[in-house]
Amino acid sequence: MDSFELNPVLQGVEISVGYFRNVQNVKEIKQRIVDGSLCMSMIKACMIADLFQVLTACSKAFHHEAEKTLKTRNVFSEILLILSPSNKISECFKLFGVQDTDTDIIVVARKEESESLCAVIKGDTVNLSKLPEYCHVDALKKLFKLSESELSVCSLVNCIVSQMIAKELK
């Protein structure tokens, strides 16, 4: 897992992000998140165009936590809500949350908890730079309602992140 400090907005907040493929125990991990024994976010990897998309969502979610303005139960579910074009919490879990049958996941946790998480996940660690290779581009274009004219002047990830940021202004 790679570590990132969410500066300059959030001094001292460090997160770890990992990309795992062929994960065999997604259902078990999800249950441990629900029962509170694991504190992390699991994101459907195919819905992420670039690491920047995840880091943007993390920055916003941890800022919401610091400001005590979370719309969800915790910062890790807030990440999923921010990634989604919808403001409906249940919909964000369907779109970006990991289902029991998913095997490619992105994990986000506080840095101090990341080592113990790696021991729990039964799958192959993949370099985060590989994310764009496994992204479902057509699904993202449809989900975010991106036209070819938009994509001719702006990259896919920039279009998505722009919508993520602007969603709060609606």
N, C-alpha and C. Protein backbone atom coordinates (compact mmCIF):
# COMPACT_ATOMS: atom_id res chain seq x y z
N MET A 1 0.85 -1.18 0.00
CA MET A 1 0.00 0.00 0.00
C MET A 1 0.89 1.24 0.00
N ASP A 2 0.43 2.25 -0.73
CA ASP A 2 1.16 3.51 -0.80
C ASP A 2 0.53 4.51 0.16
N SER A 3 1.37 5.32 0.78
CA SER A 3 0.90 6.30 1.75
C SER A 3 0.90 7.70 1.15
N PHE A 4 -0.08 8.50 1.59
CA PHE A 4 -0.23 9.87 1.10
C PHE A 4 -0.62 10.75 2.26
N GLU A 5 -0.01 11.94 2.33
CA GLU A 5 -0.41 12.92 3.32
C GLU A 5 -1.38 13.87 2.64
N LEU A 6 -2.50 14.12 3.28
CA LEU A 6 -3.54 14.96 2.67
C LEU A 6 -3.29 16.43 2.99
N ASN A 7 -2.13 16.91 2.59
CA ASN A 7 -1.76 18.32 2.77
C ASN A 7 -2.26 19.12 1.59
N PRO A 8 -2.35 20.40 1.64
CA PRO A 8 -2.18 21.28 2.79
C PRO A 8 -3.44 21.43 3.62
N VAL A 9 -4.54 20.91 3.13
CA VAL A 9 -5.83 21.10 3.82
C VAL A 9 -5.84 20.43 5.19
N LEU A 10 -5.34 19.24 5.27
CA LEU A 10 -5.45 18.46 6.49
C LEU A 10 -4.07 18.09 7.03
N GLN A 11 -3.49 18.95 7.78
CA GLN A 11 -2.17 18.71 8.35
C GLN A 11 -2.18 17.44 9.20
N GLY A 12 -1.24 16.56 8.92
CA GLY A 12 -1.07 15.37 9.75
C GLY A 12 -1.96 14.19 9.41
N VAL A 13 -2.87 14.32 8.46
CA VAL A 13 -3.72 13.19 8.08
C VAL A 13 -3.00 12.41 6.99
N GLU A 14 -2.68 11.17 7.31
CA GLU A 14 -2.02 10.30 6.34
C GLU A 14 -2.89 9.08 6.09
N ILE A 15 -3.01 8.75 4.82
CA ILE A 15 -3.80 7.58 4.44
C ILE A 15 -2.93 6.62 3.65
N SER A 16 -3.37 5.40 3.57
CA SER A 16 -2.73 4.41 2.71
C SER A 16 -3.78 3.92 1.73
N VAL A 17 -3.34 3.76 0.49
CA VAL A 17 -4.22 3.28 -0.58
C VAL A 17 -3.56 2.06 -1.21
N GLY A 18 -4.33 1.01 -1.37
CA GLY A 18 -3.81 -0.20 -1.99
C GLY A 18 -4.75 -0.71 -3.07
N TYR A 19 -4.16 -1.32 -4.07
CA TYR A 19 -4.93 -1.91 -5.17
C TYR A 19 -4.66 -3.41 -5.14
N PHE A 20 -5.74 -4.18 -5.05
CA PHE A 20 -5.63 -5.64 -4.97
C PHE A 20 -6.49 -6.29 -6.04
N ARG A 21 -5.93 -7.29 -6.69
CA ARG A 21 -6.67 -8.06 -7.69
C ARG A 21 -6.77 -9.50 -7.20
N ASN A 22 -7.75 -10.21 -7.74
CA ASN A 22 -7.96 -11.62 -7.41
C ASN A 22 -8.18 -11.85 -5.92
N VAL A 23 -8.88 -10.93 -5.29
CA VAL A 23 -9.14 -11.05 -3.85
C VAL A 23 -10.16 -12.16 -3.62
N GLN A 24 -9.82 -13.06 -2.72
CA GLN A 24 -10.63 -14.25 -2.48
C GLN A 24 -11.56 -14.12 -1.27
N ASN A 25 -11.35 -13.11 -0.43
CA ASN A 25 -12.13 -13.03 0.81
C ASN A 25 -12.87 -11.70 0.97
N VAL A 26 -13.43 -11.19 -0.11
CA VAL A 26 -14.16 -9.92 -0.07
C VAL A 26 -15.33 -9.98 0.91
N LYS A 27 -16.08 -11.05 0.90
CA LYS A 27 -17.25 -11.16 1.78
C LYS A 27 -16.83 -11.09 3.25
N GLU A 28 -15.76 -11.76 3.59
CA GLU A 28 -15.25 -11.74 4.97
C GLU A 28 -14.80 -10.33 5.37
N ILE A 29 -14.09 -9.65 4.48
CA ILE A 29 -13.61 -8.30 4.76
C ILE A 29 -14.79 -7.35 4.95
N LYS A 30 -15.78 -7.45 4.07
CA LYS A 30 -16.98 -6.61 4.19
C LYS A 30 -17.65 -6.82 5.54
N GLN A 31 -17.76 -8.06 5.98
CA GLN A 31 -18.39 -8.35 7.27
C GLN A 31 -17.60 -7.72 8.41
N ARG A 32 -16.29 -7.76 8.32
CA ARG A 32 -15.45 -7.16 9.36
C ARG A 32 -15.57 -5.63 9.37
N ILE A 33 -15.81 -5.04 8.22
CA ILE A 33 -16.05 -3.59 8.16
C ILE A 33 -17.38 -3.28 8.85
N VAL A 34 -18.40 -4.06 8.54
CA VAL A 34 -19.73 -3.85 9.11
C VAL A 34 -19.71 -4.02 10.63
N ASP A 35 -19.01 -5.05 11.12
CA ASP A 35 -18.99 -5.27 12.57
C ASP A 35 -18.00 -4.37 13.30
N GLY A 36 -17.25 -3.55 12.56
CA GLY A 36 -16.37 -2.57 13.17
C GLY A 36 -14.97 -3.04 13.51
N SER A 37 -14.63 -4.25 13.15
CA SER A 37 -13.27 -4.73 13.47
C SER A 37 -12.24 -4.27 12.43
N LEU A 38 -12.69 -3.75 11.29
CA LEU A 38 -11.80 -3.14 10.30
C LEU A 38 -12.34 -1.75 9.96
N CYS A 39 -11.45 -0.78 9.92
CA CYS A 39 -11.84 0.59 9.57
C CYS A 39 -11.15 0.95 8.26
N MET A 40 -11.91 0.85 7.18
CA MET A 40 -11.36 1.14 5.86
C MET A 40 -12.49 1.29 4.86
N SER A 41 -12.12 1.74 3.69
CA SER A 41 -13.06 1.84 2.58
C SER A 41 -12.62 0.85 1.52
N MET A 42 -13.58 0.11 0.97
CA MET A 42 -13.30 -0.79 -0.15
C MET A 42 -14.05 -0.25 -1.36
N ILE A 43 -13.30 0.01 -2.42
CA ILE A 43 -13.85 0.62 -3.61
C ILE A 43 -13.73 -0.35 -4.78
N LYS A 44 -14.79 -0.42 -5.58
CA LYS A 44 -14.77 -1.24 -6.79
C LYS A 44 -13.74 -0.65 -7.76
N ALA A 45 -12.66 -1.37 -8.00
CA ALA A 45 -11.53 -0.85 -8.76
C ALA A 45 -11.89 -0.47 -10.19
N CYS A 46 -12.80 -1.19 -10.81
CA CYS A 46 -13.13 -0.91 -12.21
C CYS A 46 -13.82 0.45 -12.40
N MET A 47 -14.24 1.07 -11.29
CA MET A 47 -14.92 2.36 -11.37
C MET A 47 -13.98 3.54 -11.10
N ILE A 48 -12.69 3.25 -11.06
CA ILE A 48 -11.70 4.29 -10.79
C ILE A 48 -10.81 4.47 -12.01
N ALA A 49 -10.80 5.69 -12.54
CA ALA A 49 -10.02 5.99 -13.73
C ALA A 49 -8.58 6.32 -13.41
N ASP A 50 -8.34 6.81 -12.20
CA ASP A 50 -6.99 7.25 -11.84
C ASP A 50 -6.92 7.42 -10.32
N LEU A 51 -5.74 7.30 -9.77
CA LEU A 51 -5.53 7.48 -8.34
C LEU A 51 -5.99 8.87 -7.88
N PHE A 52 -5.84 9.88 -8.74
CA PHE A 52 -6.25 11.24 -8.40
C PHE A 52 -7.72 11.29 -7.98
N GLN A 53 -8.55 10.51 -8.62
CA GLN A 53 -9.98 10.43 -8.29
C GLN A 53 -10.15 9.98 -6.84
N VAL A 54 -9.41 8.97 -6.42
CA VAL A 54 -9.49 8.45 -5.04
C VAL A 54 -8.94 9.48 -4.05
N LEU A 55 -7.81 10.07 -4.36
CA LEU A 55 -7.20 11.03 -3.44
C LEU A 55 -8.08 12.27 -3.26
N THR A 56 -8.75 12.69 -4.32
CA THR A 56 -9.68 13.81 -4.22
C THR A 56 -10.83 13.47 -3.28
N ALA A 57 -11.40 12.29 -3.46
CA ALA A 57 -12.50 11.86 -2.59
C ALA A 57 -12.03 11.75 -1.14
N CYS A 58 -10.84 11.24 -0.94
CA CYS A 58 -10.30 11.11 0.42
C CYS A 58 -10.10 12.48 1.06
N SER A 59 -9.55 13.41 0.31
CA SER A 59 -9.33 14.76 0.84
C SER A 59 -10.64 15.39 1.28
N LYS A 60 -11.65 15.27 0.42
CA LYS A 60 -12.96 15.84 0.77
C LYS A 60 -13.57 15.13 1.97
N ALA A 61 -13.49 13.81 2.00
CA ALA A 61 -14.10 13.05 3.09
C ALA A 61 -13.43 13.35 4.43
N PHE A 62 -12.11 13.40 4.45
CA PHE A 62 -11.42 13.70 5.71
C PHE A 62 -11.63 15.15 6.13
N HIS A 63 -11.81 16.04 5.16
CA HIS A 63 -12.16 17.43 5.48
C HIS A 63 -13.56 17.47 6.12
N HIS A 64 -14.49 16.73 5.55
CA HIS A 64 -15.84 16.66 6.14
C HIS A 64 -15.77 16.12 7.57
N GLU A 65 -14.93 15.12 7.77
CA GLU A 65 -14.78 14.55 9.12
C GLU A 65 -14.25 15.62 10.08
N ALA A 66 -13.23 16.36 9.67
CA ALA A 66 -12.64 17.39 10.52
C ALA A 66 -13.64 18.51 10.83
N GLU A 67 -14.48 18.82 9.85
CA GLU A 67 -15.48 19.87 10.02
C GLU A 67 -16.77 19.37 10.65
N LYS A 68 -16.82 18.06 10.93
CA LYS A 68 -18.02 17.41 11.50
C LYS A 68 -19.25 17.61 10.62
N THR A 69 -19.04 17.43 9.29
CA THR A 69 -20.14 17.59 8.33
C THR A 69 -20.34 16.32 7.50
N LEU A 70 -19.98 15.17 8.06
CA LEU A 70 -20.17 13.91 7.34
C LEU A 70 -21.65 13.68 7.07
N LYS A 71 -21.95 13.20 5.88
CA LYS A 71 -23.33 12.84 5.52
C LYS A 71 -23.58 11.36 5.76
N THR A 72 -22.50 10.60 5.97
CA THR A 72 -22.60 9.16 6.20
C THR A 72 -22.11 8.86 7.62
N ARG A 73 -22.08 7.58 7.96
CA ARG A 73 -21.71 7.20 9.33
C ARG A 73 -20.25 7.43 9.67
N ASN A 74 -19.37 7.31 8.67
CA ASN A 74 -17.95 7.49 8.94
C ASN A 74 -17.23 7.98 7.69
N VAL A 75 -15.97 8.32 7.87
CA VAL A 75 -15.19 8.91 6.79
C VAL A 75 -15.00 7.93 5.63
N PHE A 76 -15.00 6.63 5.92
CA PHE A 76 -14.75 5.65 4.87
C PHE A 76 -15.96 5.43 3.97
N SER A 77 -17.15 5.54 4.51
CA SER A 77 -18.34 5.49 3.65
C SER A 77 -18.53 6.83 2.94
N GLU A 78 -18.05 7.91 3.56
CA GLU A 78 -18.12 9.23 2.93
C GLU A 78 -17.30 9.25 1.64
N ILE A 79 -16.19 8.53 1.62
CA ILE A 79 -15.36 8.45 0.41
C ILE A 79 -16.19 7.90 -0.75
N LEU A 80 -16.97 6.85 -0.49
CA LEU A 80 -17.82 6.27 -1.54
C LEU A 80 -18.88 7.26 -2.01
N LEU A 81 -19.46 7.99 -1.08
CA LEU A 81 -20.47 8.98 -1.44
C LEU A 81 -19.87 10.07 -2.33
N ILE A 82 -18.68 10.52 -2.01
CA ILE A 82 -18.04 11.57 -2.79
C ILE A 82 -17.66 11.07 -4.18
N LEU A 83 -17.26 9.82 -4.29
CA LEU A 83 -16.91 9.26 -5.60
C LEU A 83 -18.11 9.20 -6.54
N SER A 84 -19.29 9.05 -5.99
CA SER A 84 -20.50 8.84 -6.78
C SER A 84 -21.07 10.15 -7.32
N PRO A 85 -21.66 10.12 -8.51
CA PRO A 85 -22.33 11.32 -9.02
C PRO A 85 -23.66 11.58 -8.31
N SER A 86 -24.14 10.61 -7.58
CA SER A 86 -25.41 10.72 -6.87
C SER A 86 -25.18 11.14 -5.42
N ASN A 87 -26.15 11.80 -4.84
CA ASN A 87 -26.10 12.14 -3.42
C ASN A 87 -26.83 11.11 -2.56
N LYS A 88 -27.30 10.05 -3.19
CA LYS A 88 -28.02 9.00 -2.46
C LYS A 88 -27.01 7.99 -1.92
N ILE A 89 -27.01 7.84 -0.61
CA ILE A 89 -26.03 6.97 0.04
C ILE A 89 -26.15 5.53 -0.43
N SER A 90 -27.37 5.01 -0.51
CA SER A 90 -27.54 3.61 -0.93
C SER A 90 -27.03 3.39 -2.36
N GLU A 91 -27.22 4.39 -3.20
CA GLU A 91 -26.78 4.27 -4.59
C GLU A 91 -25.25 4.29 -4.69
N CYS A 92 -24.60 5.07 -3.85
CA CYS A 92 -23.13 5.14 -3.92
C CYS A 92 -22.51 3.80 -3.55
N PHE A 93 -23.15 3.07 -2.62
CA PHE A 93 -22.63 1.75 -2.25
C PHE A 93 -22.79 0.77 -3.40
N LYS A 94 -23.88 0.88 -4.15
CA LYS A 94 -24.09 0.00 -5.30
C LYS A 94 -23.10 0.29 -6.42
N LEU A 95 -22.83 1.58 -6.65
CA LEU A 95 -21.98 1.98 -7.76
C LEU A 95 -20.48 1.82 -7.47
N PHE A 96 -20.05 2.21 -6.28
CA PHE A 96 -18.62 2.23 -5.98
C PHE A 96 -18.21 1.27 -4.87
N GLY A 97 -19.18 0.78 -4.11
CA GLY A 97 -18.87 -0.18 -3.07
C GLY A 97 -18.62 -1.56 -3.66
N VAL A 98 -17.87 -2.35 -2.94
CA VAL A 98 -17.51 -3.68 -3.41
C VAL A 98 -18.63 -4.66 -3.10
N GLN A 99 -18.98 -5.47 -4.09
CA GLN A 99 -19.96 -6.53 -3.90
C GLN A 99 -19.23 -7.83 -3.55
N ASP A 100 -19.93 -8.79 -3.00
CA ASP A 100 -19.31 -10.05 -2.58
C ASP A 100 -18.59 -10.76 -3.72
N THR A 101 -19.05 -10.57 -4.94
CA THR A 101 -18.46 -11.27 -6.09
C THR A 101 -17.29 -10.52 -6.73
N ASP A 102 -17.05 -9.27 -6.31
CA ASP A 102 -15.93 -8.50 -6.87
C ASP A 102 -14.61 -9.08 -6.39
N THR A 103 -13.62 -9.03 -7.25
CA THR A 103 -12.30 -9.54 -6.87
C THR A 103 -11.21 -8.49 -7.02
N ASP A 104 -11.51 -7.36 -7.66
CA ASP A 104 -10.54 -6.27 -7.83
C ASP A 104 -11.01 -5.10 -6.97
N ILE A 105 -10.20 -4.74 -5.97
CA ILE A 105 -10.62 -3.71 -5.03
C ILE A 105 -9.51 -2.70 -4.77
N ILE A 106 -9.95 -1.52 -4.38
CA ILE A 106 -9.05 -0.49 -3.88
C ILE A 106 -9.40 -0.32 -2.41
N VAL A 107 -8.38 -0.26 -1.59
CA VAL A 107 -8.57 -0.15 -0.15
C VAL A 107 -7.98 1.18 0.30
N VAL A 108 -8.73 1.90 1.15
CA VAL A 108 -8.25 3.15 1.74
C VAL A 108 -8.37 3.01 3.24
N ALA A 109 -7.29 3.34 3.95
CA ALA A 109 -7.29 3.28 5.41
C ALA A 109 -6.37 4.36 5.95
N ARG A 110 -6.50 4.62 7.22
CA ARG A 110 -5.53 5.51 7.87
C ARG A 110 -4.19 4.81 7.85
N LYS A 111 -3.13 5.55 7.68
CA LYS A 111 -1.80 4.97 7.50
C LYS A 111 -1.44 4.02 8.64
N GLU A 112 -1.77 4.39 9.87
CA GLU A 112 -1.38 3.58 11.02
C GLU A 112 -2.07 2.21 11.05
N GLU A 113 -3.13 2.04 10.29
CA GLU A 113 -3.86 0.78 10.26
C GLU A 113 -3.56 -0.06 9.02
N SER A 114 -2.75 0.46 8.12
CA SER A 114 -2.57 -0.18 6.82
C SER A 114 -1.82 -1.51 6.87
N GLU A 115 -0.85 -1.64 7.75
CA GLU A 115 -0.08 -2.89 7.79
C GLU A 115 -0.96 -4.07 8.19
N SER A 116 -1.81 -3.86 9.17
CA SER A 116 -2.68 -4.96 9.59
C SER A 116 -3.69 -5.33 8.50
N LEU A 117 -4.08 -4.36 7.67
CA LEU A 117 -5.03 -4.64 6.59
C LEU A 117 -4.43 -5.54 5.52
N CYS A 118 -3.18 -5.29 5.20
CA CYS A 118 -2.52 -6.10 4.16
C CYS A 118 -2.51 -7.57 4.54
N ALA A 119 -2.40 -7.85 5.82
CA ALA A 119 -2.38 -9.25 6.29
C ALA A 119 -3.75 -9.90 6.14
N VAL A 120 -4.81 -9.10 6.13
CA VAL A 120 -6.18 -9.62 6.05
C VAL A 120 -6.61 -9.94 4.62
N ILE A 121 -6.11 -9.16 3.67
CA ILE A 121 -6.56 -9.28 2.28
C ILE A 121 -5.83 -10.41 1.58
N LYS A 122 -6.62 -11.38 1.09
CA LYS A 122 -6.06 -12.52 0.36
C LYS A 122 -6.20 -12.25 -1.14
N GLY A 123 -5.18 -11.59 -1.67
CA GLY A 123 -5.19 -11.23 -3.09
C GLY A 123 -3.82 -10.74 -3.51
N ASP A 124 -3.72 -10.37 -4.77
CA ASP A 124 -2.46 -9.91 -5.33
C ASP A 124 -2.37 -8.40 -5.26
N THR A 125 -1.28 -7.89 -4.71
CA THR A 125 -1.04 -6.45 -4.67
C THR A 125 -0.62 -5.98 -6.06
N VAL A 126 -1.23 -4.89 -6.52
CA VAL A 126 -0.94 -4.34 -7.84
C VAL A 126 -0.53 -2.88 -7.66
N ASN A 127 0.40 -2.43 -8.44
CA ASN A 127 0.84 -1.05 -8.40
C ASN A 127 -0.33 -0.13 -8.78
N LEU A 128 -0.50 0.94 -8.03
CA LEU A 128 -1.60 1.87 -8.28
C LEU A 128 -1.55 2.50 -9.66
N SER A 129 -0.39 2.54 -10.27
CA SER A 129 -0.27 3.11 -11.62
C SER A 129 -1.02 2.27 -12.65
N LYS A 130 -1.38 1.04 -12.31
CA LYS A 130 -2.09 0.14 -13.22
C LYS A 130 -3.61 0.38 -13.23
N LEU A 131 -4.11 1.21 -12.33
CA LEU A 131 -5.55 1.46 -12.25
C LEU A 131 -6.21 1.78 -13.59
N PRO A 132 -5.67 2.70 -14.38
CA PRO A 132 -6.33 3.04 -15.65
C PRO A 132 -6.47 1.85 -16.61
N GLU A 133 -5.60 0.87 -16.50
CA GLU A 133 -5.64 -0.28 -17.39
C GLU A 133 -6.87 -1.16 -17.16
N TYR A 134 -7.40 -1.15 -15.96
CA TYR A 134 -8.52 -2.03 -15.61
C TYR A 134 -9.83 -1.28 -15.41
N CYS A 135 -9.81 0.00 -15.71
CA CYS A 135 -10.99 0.85 -15.54
C CYS A 135 -12.04 0.55 -16.61
N HIS A 136 -13.31 0.55 -16.23
CA HIS A 136 -14.41 0.39 -17.18
C HIS A 136 -14.80 1.78 -17.70
N VAL A 137 -14.08 2.24 -18.68
CA VAL A 137 -14.22 3.60 -19.21
C VAL A 137 -15.65 3.87 -19.68
N ASP A 138 -16.23 2.95 -20.44
CA ASP A 138 -17.58 3.17 -20.96
C ASP A 138 -18.61 3.29 -19.84
N ALA A 139 -18.45 2.49 -18.79
CA ALA A 139 -19.37 2.56 -17.65
C ALA A 139 -19.24 3.91 -16.95
N LEU A 140 -18.03 4.41 -16.82
CA LEU A 140 -17.83 5.72 -16.18
C LEU A 140 -18.39 6.85 -17.03
N LYS A 141 -18.18 6.77 -18.35
CA LYS A 141 -18.73 7.79 -19.24
C LYS A 141 -20.25 7.85 -19.11
N LYS A 142 -20.87 6.69 -19.09
CA LYS A 142 -22.33 6.62 -18.98
C LYS A 142 -22.79 7.12 -17.61
N LEU A 143 -22.14 6.68 -16.55
CA LEU A 143 -22.52 7.04 -15.19
C LEU A 143 -22.43 8.55 -14.97
N PHE A 144 -21.35 9.16 -15.44
CA PHE A 144 -21.15 10.59 -15.25
C PHE A 144 -21.71 11.43 -16.41
N LYS A 145 -22.37 10.75 -17.36
CA LYS A 145 -23.02 11.41 -18.51
C LYS A 145 -22.04 12.32 -19.25
N LEU A 146 -20.90 11.74 -19.61
CA LEU A 146 -19.86 12.49 -20.29
C LEU A 146 -19.99 12.35 -21.80
N SER A 147 -19.97 13.46 -22.48
CA SER A 147 -20.07 13.44 -23.94
C SER A 147 -18.67 13.41 -24.55
N GLU A 148 -18.62 13.02 -25.81
CA GLU A 148 -17.35 13.00 -26.51
C GLU A 148 -16.77 14.41 -26.66
N SER A 149 -17.64 15.40 -26.76
CA SER A 149 -17.15 16.78 -26.87
C SER A 149 -16.47 17.21 -25.57
N GLU A 150 -17.01 16.80 -24.42
CA GLU A 150 -16.35 17.09 -23.14
C GLU A 150 -14.99 16.41 -23.07
N LEU A 151 -14.97 15.15 -23.49
CA LEU A 151 -13.74 14.37 -23.40
C LEU A 151 -12.70 14.80 -24.42
N SER A 152 -13.11 15.57 -25.42
CA SER A 152 -12.14 16.07 -26.40
C SER A 152 -11.32 17.24 -25.85
N VAL A 153 -11.82 17.88 -24.80
CA VAL A 153 -11.11 19.03 -24.22
C VAL A 153 -10.61 18.76 -22.80
N CYS A 154 -11.01 17.63 -22.23
CA CYS A 154 -10.65 17.34 -20.85
C CYS A 154 -10.51 15.82 -20.69
N SER A 155 -9.56 15.38 -19.88
CA SER A 155 -9.38 13.94 -19.68
C SER A 155 -10.55 13.35 -18.91
N LEU A 156 -10.71 12.05 -19.00
CA LEU A 156 -11.77 11.35 -18.29
C LEU A 156 -11.70 11.63 -16.80
N VAL A 157 -10.54 11.48 -16.21
CA VAL A 157 -10.42 11.69 -14.76
C VAL A 157 -10.71 13.14 -14.38
N ASN A 158 -10.29 14.09 -15.18
CA ASN A 158 -10.59 15.49 -14.87
C ASN A 158 -12.08 15.80 -14.96
N CYS A 159 -12.76 15.22 -15.93
CA CYS A 159 -14.22 15.39 -16.03
C CYS A 159 -14.92 14.81 -14.80
N ILE A 160 -14.48 13.63 -14.39
CA ILE A 160 -15.09 12.97 -13.23
C ILE A 160 -14.83 13.77 -11.96
N VAL A 161 -13.59 14.16 -11.74
CA VAL A 161 -13.25 14.91 -10.52
C VAL A 161 -13.98 16.25 -10.50
N SER A 162 -14.13 16.89 -11.62
CA SER A 162 -14.88 18.15 -11.69
C SER A 162 -16.30 17.95 -11.22
N GLN A 163 -16.93 16.86 -11.64
CA GLN A 163 -18.29 16.56 -11.21
C GLN A 163 -18.35 16.22 -9.72
N MET A 164 -17.34 15.51 -9.24
CA MET A 164 -17.29 15.17 -7.81
C MET A 164 -17.24 16.45 -6.96
N ILE A 165 -16.43 17.40 -7.39
CA ILE A 165 -16.27 18.65 -6.65
C ILE A 165 -17.53 19.50 -6.75
N ALA A 166 -18.09 19.58 -7.94
CA ALA A 166 -19.26 20.44 -8.17
C ALA A 166 -20.54 19.87 -7.57
N LYS A 167 -20.56 18.59 -7.28
CA LYS A 167 -21.78 17.94 -6.77
C LYS A 167 -22.30 18.64 -5.51
N GLU A 168 -21.43 19.11 -4.66
CA GLU A 168 -21.85 19.76 -3.42
C GLU A 168 -22.49 21.12 -3.67
N LEU A 169 -22.23 21.70 -4.82
CA LEU A 169 -22.75 23.03 -5.11
C LEU A 169 -24.18 22.98 -5.63
N LYS A 170 -24.64 21.79 -5.98
CA LYS A 170 -26.00 21.68 -6.54
C LYS A 170 -27.05 21.87 -5.48
